[in-house]
N, C-alpha and C. Protein backbone atom coordinates (compact mmCIF):
# COMPACT_ATOMS: atom_id res chain seq x y z
N MET A 1 26.35 185.10 -155.32
CA MET A 1 26.26 186.00 -153.87
C MET A 1 25.34 186.75 -153.86
N LYS A 2 24.97 187.67 -154.93
CA LYS A 2 23.65 188.90 -154.44
C LYS A 2 22.60 187.74 -153.93
N ARG A 3 22.27 186.85 -154.53
CA ARG A 3 21.20 185.88 -154.66
C ARG A 3 21.48 185.43 -153.23
N ARG A 4 22.38 185.00 -152.48
CA ARG A 4 22.52 184.67 -150.92
C ARG A 4 22.21 185.57 -149.92
N ILE A 5 22.68 187.03 -150.34
CA ILE A 5 22.60 188.20 -149.63
C ILE A 5 21.11 188.47 -149.61
N PHE A 6 20.49 188.27 -150.91
CA PHE A 6 18.69 188.82 -150.76
C PHE A 6 18.33 187.37 -150.16
N LEU A 7 18.46 186.11 -149.98
CA LEU A 7 17.74 185.04 -149.63
C LEU A 7 18.18 185.39 -148.07
N ASN A 8 19.05 185.41 -147.59
CA ASN A 8 19.16 185.83 -145.98
C ASN A 8 18.54 187.10 -145.50
N ARG A 9 18.47 188.42 -146.40
CA ARG A 9 17.49 189.27 -145.78
C ARG A 9 16.07 189.09 -145.90
N PHE A 10 15.60 188.15 -146.81
CA PHE A 10 14.23 187.79 -147.14
C PHE A 10 13.79 186.92 -145.93
N ILE A 11 14.74 185.89 -145.62
CA ILE A 11 14.49 184.87 -144.53
C ILE A 11 14.29 185.82 -143.36
N THR A 12 15.42 186.60 -142.92
CA THR A 12 15.51 187.68 -141.62
C THR A 12 13.87 188.46 -141.69
N PHE A 13 13.59 189.12 -142.81
CA PHE A 13 12.42 189.34 -142.66
C PHE A 13 11.18 188.95 -142.47
N CYS A 14 11.32 187.82 -142.97
CA CYS A 14 9.96 186.65 -142.87
C CYS A 14 10.15 186.29 -141.18
N LEU A 15 11.07 185.92 -140.62
CA LEU A 15 11.18 185.57 -139.27
C LEU A 15 11.06 186.80 -138.41
N VAL A 16 11.52 188.01 -138.65
CA VAL A 16 11.15 188.76 -137.55
C VAL A 16 9.55 189.56 -137.90
N GLY A 17 9.23 189.27 -138.97
CA GLY A 17 7.59 189.60 -139.31
C GLY A 17 6.84 188.37 -138.35
N ALA A 18 7.38 187.57 -138.51
CA ALA A 18 6.32 186.34 -137.82
C ALA A 18 6.49 186.58 -136.35
N ALA A 19 7.81 186.85 -135.92
CA ALA A 19 7.88 187.12 -134.38
C ALA A 19 7.23 188.17 -133.90
N TRP A 20 7.15 189.38 -134.78
CA TRP A 20 6.32 190.56 -134.54
C TRP A 20 4.97 190.37 -134.37
N ILE A 21 4.49 189.61 -135.18
CA ILE A 21 3.19 189.25 -135.18
C ILE A 21 2.69 188.25 -134.09
N LEU A 22 3.55 187.42 -133.82
CA LEU A 22 3.35 186.90 -132.45
C LEU A 22 3.25 187.62 -131.18
N VAL A 23 4.08 188.54 -131.22
CA VAL A 23 4.48 189.17 -129.92
C VAL A 23 3.22 190.26 -129.69
N TYR A 24 2.84 190.79 -130.87
CA TYR A 24 1.80 191.88 -130.89
C TYR A 24 0.18 190.89 -130.72
N SER A 25 0.12 189.91 -131.24
CA SER A 25 -1.15 189.31 -130.87
C SER A 25 -1.35 188.85 -129.49
N GLY A 26 -0.35 188.55 -128.53
CA GLY A 26 -0.44 188.53 -127.18
C GLY A 26 -0.46 189.80 -126.57
N LEU A 27 -0.18 191.05 -127.12
CA LEU A 27 -0.04 192.37 -126.54
C LEU A 27 -1.30 192.74 -126.10
N GLY A 28 -2.65 192.74 -127.07
CA GLY A 28 -4.11 193.00 -126.52
C GLY A 28 -4.26 192.61 -125.35
N LYS A 29 -3.92 191.36 -125.05
CA LYS A 29 -4.52 190.90 -123.61
C LYS A 29 -3.66 191.43 -122.71
N VAL A 30 -2.40 191.62 -122.69
CA VAL A 30 -1.33 192.27 -121.80
C VAL A 30 -1.90 193.78 -121.47
N MET A 31 -2.71 194.37 -122.63
CA MET A 31 -2.80 195.97 -122.40
C MET A 31 -4.48 195.91 -122.00
N GLY A 32 -4.99 194.75 -122.00
CA GLY A 32 -6.36 194.88 -121.42
C GLY A 32 -7.44 194.89 -122.41
N TYR A 33 -7.13 194.10 -123.68
CA TYR A 33 -8.12 194.45 -124.38
C TYR A 33 -8.57 193.19 -124.59
N GLU A 34 -8.45 192.30 -123.95
CA GLU A 34 -9.18 190.73 -124.28
C GLU A 34 -10.82 191.08 -124.36
N SER A 35 -11.11 189.87 -124.83
CA SER A 35 -12.61 190.15 -125.28
C SER A 35 -13.39 190.30 -124.10
N LYS A 36 -14.59 191.25 -123.96
CA LYS A 36 -15.47 191.21 -123.15
C LYS A 36 -16.84 190.33 -123.08
N MET A 37 -16.75 189.31 -123.97
CA MET A 37 -17.72 188.57 -124.24
C MET A 37 -18.24 187.67 -123.11
N THR A 38 -19.36 187.75 -122.54
CA THR A 38 -19.66 187.02 -121.42
C THR A 38 -21.10 186.48 -122.25
N GLU A 39 -22.19 185.98 -121.43
CA GLU A 39 -23.15 185.25 -121.86
C GLU A 39 -24.04 185.91 -122.63
N VAL A 40 -23.78 186.36 -123.77
CA VAL A 40 -24.69 186.67 -124.70
C VAL A 40 -24.94 185.72 -125.84
N THR A 41 -26.36 185.54 -126.21
CA THR A 41 -26.73 184.77 -127.23
C THR A 41 -26.27 185.16 -128.65
N PRO A 42 -25.45 184.56 -129.42
CA PRO A 42 -25.17 185.09 -130.71
C PRO A 42 -26.44 185.00 -131.62
N LEU A 43 -26.70 185.91 -132.23
CA LEU A 43 -27.49 185.99 -133.57
C LEU A 43 -26.86 185.76 -134.65
N GLU A 44 -27.42 184.73 -135.39
CA GLU A 44 -26.72 184.25 -136.52
C GLU A 44 -27.98 184.42 -137.71
N LYS A 45 -27.05 185.25 -138.54
CA LYS A 45 -27.92 185.45 -139.93
C LYS A 45 -27.01 185.57 -140.86
N SER A 46 -27.37 185.29 -142.14
CA SER A 46 -26.74 185.35 -143.22
C SER A 46 -26.27 186.47 -143.74
N ASP A 47 -25.11 186.45 -144.56
CA ASP A 47 -24.86 187.88 -145.12
C ASP A 47 -26.02 188.34 -146.24
N LYS A 48 -26.53 187.69 -146.55
CA LYS A 48 -27.93 188.32 -147.40
C LYS A 48 -28.86 188.44 -146.48
N GLN A 49 -29.25 187.93 -145.46
CA GLN A 49 -30.12 188.66 -144.70
C GLN A 49 -29.77 189.90 -144.09
N TRP A 50 -28.32 190.12 -143.69
CA TRP A 50 -27.90 191.57 -143.23
C TRP A 50 -28.24 192.46 -144.26
N ARG A 51 -27.70 192.04 -145.62
CA ARG A 51 -27.96 192.85 -146.63
C ARG A 51 -29.38 193.69 -146.99
N GLU A 52 -30.40 192.55 -146.63
CA GLU A 52 -31.85 192.93 -147.04
C GLU A 52 -32.43 193.51 -145.57
N ILE A 53 -31.86 193.51 -144.82
CA ILE A 53 -32.28 194.40 -143.52
C ILE A 53 -31.41 195.87 -143.51
N LEU A 54 -30.25 195.97 -143.47
CA LEU A 54 -29.48 197.28 -143.38
C LEU A 54 -29.41 198.08 -144.44
N PRO A 55 -29.32 199.20 -144.38
CA PRO A 55 -28.99 200.02 -145.51
C PRO A 55 -27.58 199.80 -146.06
N SER A 56 -27.35 199.98 -147.22
CA SER A 56 -26.01 199.71 -147.56
C SER A 56 -24.85 200.31 -146.76
N ASP A 57 -25.17 201.74 -146.64
CA ASP A 57 -23.83 202.28 -145.78
C ASP A 57 -23.59 201.66 -144.33
N ARG A 58 -24.64 201.25 -143.68
CA ARG A 58 -24.73 200.44 -142.50
C ARG A 58 -24.22 199.28 -142.61
N TYR A 59 -24.50 198.58 -143.36
CA TYR A 59 -24.18 197.19 -143.79
C TYR A 59 -22.36 197.10 -144.20
N GLY A 60 -22.08 198.10 -144.97
CA GLY A 60 -20.47 197.60 -145.10
C GLY A 60 -19.90 198.17 -143.83
N ILE A 61 -20.05 199.06 -143.42
CA ILE A 61 -19.50 199.40 -141.98
C ILE A 61 -19.48 197.97 -140.99
N LEU A 62 -20.71 197.56 -140.97
CA LEU A 62 -20.92 196.64 -139.83
C LEU A 62 -20.45 194.95 -140.28
N PHE A 63 -20.55 194.99 -141.47
CA PHE A 63 -20.28 193.45 -142.00
C PHE A 63 -19.10 193.31 -143.06
N LYS A 64 -18.55 194.68 -143.69
CA LYS A 64 -17.74 194.42 -144.62
C LYS A 64 -16.17 195.59 -143.88
N ASP A 65 -16.27 195.89 -142.58
CA ASP A 65 -15.43 196.68 -142.15
C ASP A 65 -14.99 197.82 -142.82
N LYS A 66 -15.82 198.33 -143.36
CA LYS A 66 -15.76 199.59 -143.73
C LYS A 66 -15.66 200.87 -142.98
N THR A 67 -15.16 202.21 -142.96
CA THR A 67 -15.36 203.04 -141.89
C THR A 67 -15.62 204.38 -142.69
N GLU A 68 -16.58 204.99 -141.69
CA GLU A 68 -17.44 206.17 -142.27
C GLU A 68 -16.34 207.30 -142.33
N ALA A 69 -16.37 208.48 -143.07
CA ALA A 69 -15.84 209.82 -143.07
C ALA A 69 -15.58 210.38 -141.78
N ALA A 70 -14.44 210.84 -141.23
CA ALA A 70 -14.41 211.48 -140.03
C ALA A 70 -15.28 212.84 -139.98
N PHE A 71 -15.78 213.00 -138.79
CA PHE A 71 -16.87 214.24 -138.68
C PHE A 71 -18.22 214.02 -139.59
N SER A 72 -18.38 212.88 -139.88
CA SER A 72 -19.81 212.69 -140.72
C SER A 72 -20.78 212.48 -139.87
N SER A 73 -20.53 211.86 -138.84
CA SER A 73 -21.74 211.33 -137.86
C SER A 73 -22.26 212.28 -136.95
N ASP A 74 -23.59 212.46 -136.95
CA ASP A 74 -24.19 213.37 -135.95
C ASP A 74 -24.29 212.96 -134.51
N LEU A 75 -23.74 211.65 -134.50
CA LEU A 75 -23.66 211.01 -132.99
C LEU A 75 -22.50 212.03 -132.19
N ASN A 76 -21.51 212.33 -133.23
CA ASN A 76 -20.32 213.04 -132.57
C ASN A 76 -20.65 214.16 -131.51
N ASN A 77 -21.86 214.72 -131.91
CA ASN A 77 -22.70 215.87 -131.17
C ASN A 77 -23.68 215.97 -130.06
N GLU A 78 -23.72 214.42 -130.03
CA GLU A 78 -25.03 213.90 -129.16
C GLU A 78 -24.63 214.02 -127.69
N LYS A 79 -25.32 214.86 -127.24
CA LYS A 79 -24.89 215.25 -125.32
C LYS A 79 -25.97 214.71 -124.36
N ARG A 80 -27.18 214.02 -125.19
CA ARG A 80 -28.34 213.48 -124.19
C ARG A 80 -27.80 212.39 -123.50
N ALA A 81 -28.66 212.19 -122.22
CA ALA A 81 -28.41 210.99 -121.26
C ALA A 81 -29.19 209.93 -122.56
N GLY A 82 -28.74 208.60 -122.27
CA GLY A 82 -29.37 207.75 -123.01
C GLY A 82 -28.20 206.45 -123.30
N THR A 83 -28.45 205.52 -124.65
CA THR A 83 -28.04 204.25 -124.61
C THR A 83 -27.60 204.18 -125.97
N PHE A 84 -26.61 203.87 -126.40
CA PHE A 84 -26.05 203.53 -127.77
C PHE A 84 -26.25 202.23 -127.91
N ILE A 85 -26.73 201.76 -129.11
CA ILE A 85 -27.12 200.32 -129.51
C ILE A 85 -26.39 200.17 -130.54
N CYS A 86 -26.37 198.76 -130.79
CA CYS A 86 -25.75 198.41 -132.03
C CYS A 86 -27.05 198.49 -133.19
N ALA A 87 -26.85 199.27 -134.33
CA ALA A 87 -27.66 199.33 -135.69
C ALA A 87 -27.94 197.96 -136.09
N ALA A 88 -27.30 197.10 -136.00
CA ALA A 88 -27.74 195.79 -136.53
C ALA A 88 -28.61 194.97 -135.99
N CYS A 89 -28.36 194.65 -134.51
CA CYS A 89 -29.21 193.76 -133.79
C CYS A 89 -29.94 194.66 -132.30
N TYR A 90 -29.60 195.78 -132.24
CA TYR A 90 -30.13 196.62 -131.21
C TYR A 90 -29.50 196.33 -129.68
N GLN A 91 -28.59 195.39 -129.86
CA GLN A 91 -27.96 195.32 -128.28
C GLN A 91 -27.61 196.54 -127.87
N PRO A 92 -27.61 196.78 -126.73
CA PRO A 92 -26.83 198.21 -126.11
C PRO A 92 -25.45 197.72 -126.04
N LEU A 93 -24.67 198.70 -126.27
CA LEU A 93 -23.35 198.76 -126.27
C LEU A 93 -22.62 199.73 -125.44
N PHE A 94 -23.12 201.00 -125.15
CA PHE A 94 -22.41 202.08 -124.39
C PHE A 94 -23.67 202.92 -124.01
N LYS A 95 -23.20 203.48 -122.81
CA LYS A 95 -23.88 204.51 -121.67
C LYS A 95 -23.60 205.78 -122.35
N SER A 96 -24.37 206.83 -122.54
CA SER A 96 -23.85 208.04 -122.79
C SER A 96 -23.22 208.57 -121.67
N ASP A 97 -22.92 208.05 -120.66
CA ASP A 97 -21.95 209.07 -119.73
C ASP A 97 -20.60 208.36 -119.78
N THR A 98 -20.52 207.59 -120.91
CA THR A 98 -18.93 207.05 -120.87
C THR A 98 -18.53 207.66 -122.36
N LYS A 99 -19.44 208.33 -122.89
CA LYS A 99 -18.87 209.16 -124.39
C LYS A 99 -18.42 210.54 -123.69
N TYR A 100 -17.15 210.57 -124.67
CA TYR A 100 -16.49 211.94 -124.51
C TYR A 100 -15.67 212.30 -125.87
N GLU A 101 -15.46 213.57 -125.77
CA GLU A 101 -15.01 214.18 -126.89
C GLU A 101 -13.70 213.85 -127.15
N SER A 102 -13.16 212.92 -128.23
CA SER A 102 -11.84 212.69 -128.53
C SER A 102 -10.98 213.48 -129.34
N GLY A 103 -12.06 214.53 -130.41
CA GLY A 103 -11.30 215.19 -131.42
C GLY A 103 -11.15 214.31 -132.53
N THR A 104 -11.37 212.98 -132.59
CA THR A 104 -10.87 212.06 -133.78
C THR A 104 -11.68 212.29 -134.97
N GLY A 105 -12.93 212.53 -134.43
CA GLY A 105 -13.94 212.62 -135.83
C GLY A 105 -15.15 211.80 -135.51
N TRP A 106 -14.78 210.69 -134.62
CA TRP A 106 -15.86 209.66 -134.64
C TRP A 106 -16.27 209.52 -133.10
N PRO A 107 -17.80 209.23 -132.88
CA PRO A 107 -17.93 208.89 -131.61
C PRO A 107 -17.04 208.19 -130.56
N SER A 108 -16.75 208.60 -129.49
CA SER A 108 -15.75 208.04 -128.79
C SER A 108 -16.26 207.68 -127.33
N PHE A 109 -15.85 206.45 -126.61
CA PHE A 109 -16.36 205.98 -125.53
C PHE A 109 -15.22 205.61 -124.63
N PHE A 110 -15.07 205.72 -123.17
CA PHE A 110 -14.13 205.26 -122.57
C PHE A 110 -14.26 203.73 -121.90
N ASP A 111 -15.85 203.43 -122.07
CA ASP A 111 -15.98 202.25 -121.49
C ASP A 111 -17.31 201.80 -122.24
N SER A 112 -17.66 200.52 -122.38
CA SER A 112 -18.68 199.65 -122.81
C SER A 112 -19.69 199.22 -121.73
N ILE A 113 -20.76 198.72 -122.08
CA ILE A 113 -21.63 197.79 -121.12
C ILE A 113 -21.11 196.49 -121.12
N PRO A 114 -20.67 195.74 -120.04
CA PRO A 114 -20.07 194.43 -119.74
C PRO A 114 -21.01 193.66 -120.68
N GLY A 115 -19.80 192.71 -121.16
CA GLY A 115 -20.57 191.68 -122.14
C GLY A 115 -20.87 191.95 -123.67
N ALA A 116 -20.78 193.32 -123.58
CA ALA A 116 -21.63 193.80 -125.01
C ALA A 116 -20.55 193.75 -126.45
N LEU A 117 -19.50 193.47 -126.21
CA LEU A 117 -18.32 193.73 -127.00
C LEU A 117 -17.37 192.58 -127.15
N GLY A 118 -16.92 192.04 -128.25
CA GLY A 118 -15.74 191.18 -128.35
C GLY A 118 -14.77 191.86 -129.08
N THR A 119 -13.50 191.34 -129.08
CA THR A 119 -12.69 192.41 -129.86
C THR A 119 -11.78 191.27 -130.33
N LYS A 120 -10.81 191.40 -131.45
CA LYS A 120 -9.66 190.32 -132.33
C LYS A 120 -8.79 191.56 -132.92
N LEU A 121 -7.68 190.99 -133.16
CA LEU A 121 -6.32 191.70 -133.64
C LEU A 121 -6.80 192.17 -135.09
N ASP A 122 -6.54 193.47 -135.39
CA ASP A 122 -6.71 193.70 -136.59
C ASP A 122 -5.17 194.11 -137.57
N PHE A 123 -4.83 193.61 -138.50
CA PHE A 123 -3.61 193.93 -139.22
C PHE A 123 -3.99 194.86 -140.70
N LYS A 124 -5.11 195.36 -140.72
CA LYS A 124 -5.44 195.50 -142.23
C LYS A 124 -4.45 196.92 -142.45
N LEU A 125 -4.10 197.74 -141.53
CA LEU A 125 -2.84 198.94 -141.74
C LEU A 125 -1.74 198.42 -141.32
N ILE A 126 -1.40 197.30 -141.79
CA ILE A 126 0.12 196.80 -141.35
C ILE A 126 0.16 196.66 -139.79
N LEU A 127 0.24 197.98 -138.85
CA LEU A 127 0.63 197.83 -137.40
C LEU A 127 -0.65 197.04 -137.04
N PRO A 128 -0.63 196.46 -135.92
CA PRO A 128 -1.78 196.09 -135.27
C PRO A 128 -2.62 196.81 -134.56
N ARG A 129 -3.80 196.49 -134.74
CA ARG A 129 -5.00 197.49 -133.85
C ARG A 129 -6.10 196.65 -133.43
N THR A 130 -6.84 196.95 -132.29
CA THR A 130 -7.65 195.93 -131.70
C THR A 130 -8.89 196.58 -132.42
N GLU A 131 -9.53 195.63 -133.03
CA GLU A 131 -11.15 196.14 -133.69
C GLU A 131 -11.98 195.60 -132.51
N TYR A 132 -12.83 195.93 -132.55
CA TYR A 132 -13.94 195.48 -131.61
C TYR A 132 -15.59 195.61 -132.30
N HIS A 133 -16.17 194.29 -132.27
CA HIS A 133 -17.67 194.49 -132.74
C HIS A 133 -18.58 193.81 -131.53
N CYS A 134 -20.00 194.07 -132.15
CA CYS A 134 -21.15 193.55 -130.78
C CYS A 134 -20.66 192.15 -130.71
N SER A 135 -20.93 192.07 -129.46
CA SER A 135 -20.84 190.48 -129.14
C SER A 135 -22.02 189.54 -129.51
N ARG A 136 -22.93 190.11 -130.12
CA ARG A 136 -24.29 189.51 -130.07
C ARG A 136 -24.27 189.09 -131.83
N CYS A 137 -23.96 190.10 -132.59
CA CYS A 137 -24.17 189.76 -134.28
C CYS A 137 -22.83 189.83 -134.80
N GLU A 138 -21.95 190.23 -133.63
CA GLU A 138 -20.20 190.32 -134.43
C GLU A 138 -20.57 191.51 -135.52
N GLY A 139 -21.28 192.52 -135.57
CA GLY A 139 -21.24 193.69 -136.40
C GLY A 139 -20.03 194.53 -136.18
N HIS A 140 -19.02 194.94 -137.18
CA HIS A 140 -18.02 195.82 -136.68
C HIS A 140 -18.36 197.08 -136.24
N GLN A 141 -17.86 197.61 -135.11
CA GLN A 141 -18.31 199.02 -134.40
C GLN A 141 -16.86 199.76 -134.49
N GLY A 142 -15.70 199.67 -134.50
CA GLY A 142 -14.47 200.45 -134.56
C GLY A 142 -13.18 199.54 -133.85
N HIS A 143 -12.54 200.54 -133.61
CA HIS A 143 -11.16 200.12 -132.76
C HIS A 143 -11.02 200.55 -131.50
N VAL A 144 -10.31 200.09 -130.64
CA VAL A 144 -10.14 200.49 -129.35
C VAL A 144 -8.67 200.82 -129.09
N PHE A 145 -8.42 202.02 -128.44
CA PHE A 145 -7.06 202.22 -128.35
C PHE A 145 -6.64 202.67 -127.11
N GLY A 146 -5.31 202.56 -126.52
CA GLY A 146 -5.10 202.78 -124.89
C GLY A 146 -4.86 204.28 -124.79
N ASP A 147 -5.23 205.00 -125.64
CA ASP A 147 -5.17 206.77 -125.30
C ASP A 147 -6.20 207.38 -124.61
N GLY A 148 -7.11 206.62 -124.21
CA GLY A 148 -8.44 207.52 -123.77
C GLY A 148 -8.27 208.03 -122.12
N PRO A 149 -9.29 208.67 -121.69
CA PRO A 149 -9.41 209.33 -120.57
C PRO A 149 -9.74 208.25 -119.44
N PRO A 150 -9.38 208.71 -118.28
CA PRO A 150 -9.40 207.82 -116.96
C PRO A 150 -11.17 207.92 -116.86
N PRO A 151 -11.40 206.58 -116.32
CA PRO A 151 -10.80 205.64 -115.47
C PRO A 151 -10.17 204.30 -116.14
N THR A 152 -10.49 204.43 -117.07
CA THR A 152 -10.04 202.97 -118.15
C THR A 152 -9.01 203.33 -119.04
N GLY A 153 -8.62 204.49 -119.29
CA GLY A 153 -7.41 204.76 -120.09
C GLY A 153 -7.57 204.31 -121.54
N LYS A 154 -9.16 204.00 -121.91
CA LYS A 154 -9.34 203.35 -123.38
C LYS A 154 -10.16 204.46 -124.12
N ARG A 155 -9.68 204.31 -125.45
CA ARG A 155 -10.94 204.98 -126.57
C ARG A 155 -11.49 204.08 -127.46
N TYR A 156 -12.57 204.01 -126.89
CA TYR A 156 -13.55 202.96 -128.23
C TYR A 156 -14.15 204.05 -129.38
N CYS A 157 -13.24 203.91 -130.15
CA CYS A 157 -13.32 204.95 -131.81
C CYS A 157 -14.50 204.15 -132.52
N ASN A 158 -15.79 204.58 -132.57
CA ASN A 158 -16.93 203.95 -132.86
C ASN A 158 -17.38 204.57 -134.58
N ASN A 159 -17.80 203.90 -135.32
CA ASN A 159 -18.44 204.39 -136.43
C ASN A 159 -19.74 204.87 -135.93
N GLY A 160 -20.40 206.07 -136.48
CA GLY A 160 -21.68 206.51 -136.24
C GLY A 160 -22.58 205.80 -136.69
N LEU A 161 -22.55 205.35 -137.74
CA LEU A 161 -23.49 204.45 -138.44
C LEU A 161 -23.73 202.93 -138.00
N ALA A 162 -22.85 202.56 -137.38
CA ALA A 162 -22.78 201.19 -136.40
C ALA A 162 -23.62 201.30 -135.31
N LEU A 163 -23.81 202.60 -134.89
CA LEU A 163 -24.82 202.78 -133.49
C LEU A 163 -26.17 203.29 -133.79
N ILE A 164 -26.88 203.09 -132.85
CA ILE A 164 -28.18 204.15 -132.89
C ILE A 164 -28.35 204.66 -131.52
N PHE A 165 -28.82 205.75 -131.30
CA PHE A 165 -28.85 206.44 -130.28
C PHE A 165 -30.33 206.42 -129.58
N ILE A 166 -30.44 205.80 -128.16
CA ILE A 166 -31.84 206.24 -127.87
C ILE A 166 -31.86 206.77 -126.66
N PRO A 167 -32.40 208.17 -126.66
CA PRO A 167 -32.76 208.68 -125.26
C PRO A 167 -33.29 208.49 -124.28
N GLU A 168 -32.67 208.66 -123.25
CA GLU A 168 -32.87 208.30 -121.77
C GLU A 168 -34.59 208.48 -121.87
N GLY A 169 -35.34 207.66 -121.06
CA GLY A 169 -36.74 207.88 -121.08
C GLY A 169 -37.67 207.15 -122.20
N GLU A 170 -36.81 206.89 -123.18
CA GLU A 170 -37.80 206.22 -124.51
C GLU A 170 -37.21 204.40 -124.63
N SER A 171 -37.93 203.96 -125.03
CA SER A 171 -37.71 202.43 -124.62
C SER A 171 -36.63 201.90 -125.74
N LEU A 172 -36.10 201.05 -125.16
CA LEU A 172 -35.09 200.42 -126.13
C LEU A 172 -35.88 199.41 -127.05
N PRO A 173 -35.43 199.74 -128.43
CA PRO A 173 -36.45 198.37 -129.13
C PRO A 173 -35.95 196.98 -128.63
N PRO A 174 -36.85 195.78 -128.99
CA PRO A 174 -36.46 194.64 -128.70
C PRO A 174 -35.20 194.12 -129.63
N LEU A 175 -34.07 193.36 -128.89
CA LEU A 175 -33.38 192.93 -129.82
C LEU A 175 -33.82 192.00 -131.38
N ARG A 176 -33.19 192.25 -132.23
CA ARG A 176 -33.59 191.80 -133.59
C ARG A 176 -33.38 190.18 -133.48
N ASP A 177 -34.56 189.62 -134.03
CA ASP A 177 -34.00 188.13 -134.20
C ASP A 177 -33.34 187.67 -135.36
């Protein structure tokens, strides 16, 4: 009898879990987190090539989905006008006028440059989150949440090491090949 109860609960748990994943996998689109990828030519490099190009801390964040410690990035305090670009391929991702102080300890933005980001659901912390990445090199940037300021209501919570800031008036580096 105990085995039957256990099996019933286990099957119920599995069915509820599968239904939960299906519901939440569509929730990102309902909440406006669909991919913003447009006509961006993908940059294809091997894992070995990225390891050779990038310092290990940036590589870990961009291509192994690591996260830097909160309040560790100098970009938290960056207030100048300019552009935030992907630290891997140099694609522009955010304009400084979309940056705001979220209090989370990571650089935060309420909007991105059109076509610069792609998204996918992330279940690494059990509950679903929307991970976003550079649409060109697919380097992991951070997660987007629905608790940001107007006009979008979104909070792109970015790892500082995944970005490079280029002040207004300085030339953007050419996209990495």
